[in-house]
């Protein structure tokens, strides 16, 4: 069963829309081994009018993001969002920096920001915002970097497409 699960995960990662060989991921992500599974509640998000955090934008694309470790306990040390611009990925967050372990702990409910094996951690309030809908889809990658007990880094990431249409 474990072999089947490992083969399924390998196929899933290998067939992902986000193939690290064909897109220009930032070096800090591209060269790390994959050890974190990242899933969004939808592959494609549609805009809604933002009535809560107007300073971040008039339109909001909402979704949940769930992360889990693939085979060993990992402490998240960094995570963030990348937006595709001119065929490369630009880091963009509300804090103008990557998020840290304490933010992961708070938003994902993971004590000490640690991914335990066999558990999933979800931020049900993940989003992208903009002051205009634009005229084309935007691509966003959420990435997570974690370290094991020996200090070895692992990464996980997943793409979400934001449609320039109101739902």
Protein backbone atom coordinates (compact mmCIF):
# COMPACT_ATOMS: atom_id res chain seq x y z
CA UNK A 1 0.00 0.00 0.00
CA UNK A 2 2.83 2.39 0.88
CA UNK A 3 4.41 1.68 -2.55
CA UNK A 4 1.10 2.44 -4.29
CA UNK A 5 0.75 5.70 -2.33
CA UNK A 6 4.31 6.73 -3.17
CA UNK A 7 3.78 5.90 -6.85
CA UNK A 8 0.50 7.87 -6.89
CA UNK A 9 2.15 10.90 -5.31
CA UNK A 10 5.04 10.70 -7.76
CA UNK A 11 2.64 10.58 -10.71
CA UNK A 12 0.60 13.44 -9.27
CA UNK A 13 3.67 15.63 -8.79
CA UNK A 14 5.12 14.63 -12.15
CA UNK A 15 1.89 15.47 -13.97
CA UNK A 16 1.31 18.76 -12.22
CA UNK A 17 0.61 21.95 -14.17
CA UNK A 18 3.60 23.31 -12.33
CA UNK A 19 6.51 21.38 -13.80
CA UNK A 20 9.71 22.84 -12.37
CA UNK A 21 11.61 21.90 -15.53
CA UNK A 22 9.43 23.96 -17.86
CA UNK A 23 8.77 27.05 -15.78
CA UNK A 24 11.15 29.51 -14.24
CA UNK A 25 10.61 29.02 -10.50
CA UNK A 26 12.83 31.12 -8.24
CA UNK A 27 16.11 29.40 -7.41
CA UNK A 28 15.30 29.13 -3.69
CA UNK A 29 12.42 26.80 -4.62
CA UNK A 30 13.64 25.19 -7.83
CA UNK A 31 16.62 23.45 -6.24
CA UNK A 32 14.91 22.01 -3.15
CA UNK A 33 13.53 18.47 -2.94
CA UNK A 34 9.73 18.24 -2.79
CA UNK A 35 8.54 17.04 0.62
CA UNK A 36 5.38 19.07 1.23
CA UNK A 37 2.01 18.54 -0.43
CA UNK A 38 0.04 21.71 -1.17
CA UNK A 39 -3.60 21.69 -2.29
CA UNK A 40 -5.99 24.55 -2.98
CA UNK A 41 -9.75 24.06 -2.58
CA UNK A 42 -10.14 25.02 -6.26
CA UNK A 43 -7.84 25.06 -9.30
CA UNK A 44 -9.48 28.22 -10.61
CA UNK A 45 -10.80 31.10 -8.49
CA UNK A 46 -13.34 33.69 -9.60
CA UNK A 47 -13.47 37.25 -8.29
CA UNK A 48 -15.96 38.67 -5.87
CA UNK A 49 -16.37 42.24 -4.70
CA UNK A 50 -14.19 42.78 -1.66
CA UNK A 51 -16.16 44.32 1.17
CA UNK A 52 -13.78 43.60 4.07
CA UNK A 53 -10.22 44.69 3.34
CA UNK A 54 -10.73 47.47 0.82
CA UNK A 55 -7.15 48.72 1.20
CA UNK A 56 -5.91 45.52 -0.48
CA UNK A 57 -8.14 45.81 -3.52
CA UNK A 58 -11.66 46.07 -4.87
CA UNK A 59 -11.74 42.44 -6.08
CA UNK A 60 -10.95 39.28 -4.11
CA UNK A 61 -10.25 35.72 -5.27
CA UNK A 62 -10.88 33.41 -2.28
CA UNK A 63 -9.91 29.79 -1.63
CA UNK A 64 -8.60 27.47 1.07
CA UNK A 65 -5.03 26.14 1.02
CA UNK A 66 -4.08 22.87 2.72
CA UNK A 67 -0.54 21.64 3.40
CA UNK A 68 0.84 18.36 4.73
CA UNK A 69 4.19 16.67 4.94
CA UNK A 70 4.83 13.83 2.54
CA UNK A 71 6.84 11.55 4.84
CA UNK A 72 8.51 13.24 7.82
CA UNK A 73 7.89 15.97 10.34
CA UNK A 74 8.85 19.41 8.97
CA UNK A 75 8.96 22.84 10.58
CA UNK A 76 7.78 25.55 8.17
CA UNK A 77 10.36 28.33 8.02
CA UNK A 78 9.01 30.32 5.06
CA UNK A 79 6.00 30.50 2.77
CA UNK A 80 4.51 32.96 0.36
CA UNK A 81 2.90 33.74 -2.95
CA UNK A 82 4.45 34.13 -6.37
CA UNK A 83 2.67 35.91 -9.23
CA UNK A 84 3.53 35.25 -12.85
CA UNK A 85 4.71 38.40 -14.61
CA UNK A 86 6.43 38.42 -18.01
CA UNK A 87 7.15 34.68 -17.92
CA UNK A 88 8.79 34.71 -14.49
CA UNK A 89 7.58 34.44 -10.91
CA UNK A 90 7.62 37.52 -8.68
CA UNK A 91 7.23 37.21 -4.93
CA UNK A 92 4.24 39.19 -3.71
CA UNK A 93 2.61 39.20 -0.27
CA UNK A 94 0.68 41.70 1.83
CA UNK A 95 3.78 42.13 4.00
CA UNK A 96 6.20 42.69 1.07
CA UNK A 97 8.24 39.73 2.32
CA UNK A 98 7.82 35.98 2.68
CA UNK A 99 5.71 34.85 5.63
CA UNK A 100 7.38 33.16 8.60
CA UNK A 101 6.92 30.25 11.01
CA UNK A 102 4.73 32.18 13.48
CA UNK A 103 2.40 33.36 10.72
CA UNK A 104 2.12 29.77 9.49
CA UNK A 105 1.30 28.59 13.01
CA UNK A 106 -1.42 31.23 13.40
CA UNK A 107 -3.05 30.93 9.96
CA UNK A 108 -2.78 27.16 9.47
CA UNK A 109 -3.29 26.04 13.09
CA UNK A 110 -0.06 24.05 13.24
CA UNK A 111 1.46 24.16 16.75
CA UNK A 112 4.98 25.65 16.54
CA UNK A 113 4.51 25.77 12.75
CA UNK A 114 5.33 22.04 12.49
CA UNK A 115 3.77 19.68 9.94
CA UNK A 116 3.16 16.35 11.70
CA UNK A 117 2.97 13.19 9.60
CA UNK A 118 -0.57 12.08 8.81
CA UNK A 119 -2.09 15.53 9.49
CA UNK A 120 -3.31 18.30 7.22
CA UNK A 121 -3.24 22.02 8.02
CA UNK A 122 -5.60 24.44 6.28
CA UNK A 123 -5.94 28.19 5.90
CA UNK A 124 -9.61 28.57 4.96
CA UNK A 125 -9.16 32.29 4.32
CA UNK A 126 -6.50 32.45 1.63
CA UNK A 127 -6.93 35.05 -1.11
CA UNK A 128 -5.55 37.28 -3.82
CA UNK A 129 -6.74 40.86 -4.35
CA UNK A 130 -6.56 43.57 -6.97
CA UNK A 131 -8.11 46.95 -7.73
CA UNK A 132 -9.11 45.76 -11.20
CA UNK A 133 -10.26 42.53 -12.79
CA UNK A 134 -7.78 42.80 -15.61
CA UNK A 135 -8.30 41.28 -19.03
CA UNK A 136 -6.51 37.95 -18.62
CA UNK A 137 -6.09 35.16 -16.10
CA UNK A 138 -3.43 35.57 -13.45
CA UNK A 139 -1.38 32.66 -12.18
CA UNK A 140 -0.36 32.44 -8.52
CA UNK A 141 1.90 29.85 -6.88
CA UNK A 142 1.82 29.33 -3.13
CA UNK A 143 5.06 27.77 -1.85
CA UNK A 144 6.11 26.41 1.54
CA UNK A 145 9.65 25.66 2.75
CA UNK A 146 10.18 23.40 5.74
CA UNK A 147 13.16 21.86 7.52
CA UNK A 148 13.50 18.42 9.08
CA UNK A 149 15.24 17.64 12.38
CA UNK A 150 18.60 17.45 10.60
CA UNK A 151 18.13 20.91 9.06
CA UNK A 152 17.53 19.69 5.50
CA UNK A 153 15.11 21.91 3.55
CA UNK A 154 12.09 20.67 1.61
CA UNK A 155 9.54 22.52 -0.49
CA UNK A 156 5.98 22.19 -1.67
CA UNK A 157 4.03 24.44 -4.03
CA UNK A 158 0.82 24.61 -6.01
CA UNK A 159 -0.63 26.78 -8.74
CA UNK A 160 -3.99 28.52 -8.69
CA UNK A 161 -5.47 30.47 -11.60
CA UNK A 162 -7.44 33.65 -10.93
CA UNK A 163 -10.08 34.37 -13.59
CA UNK A 164 -10.85 38.02 -14.45
CA UNK A 165 -14.58 37.38 -13.98
CA UNK A 166 -17.01 37.92 -11.13
CA UNK A 167 -18.59 34.76 -9.77
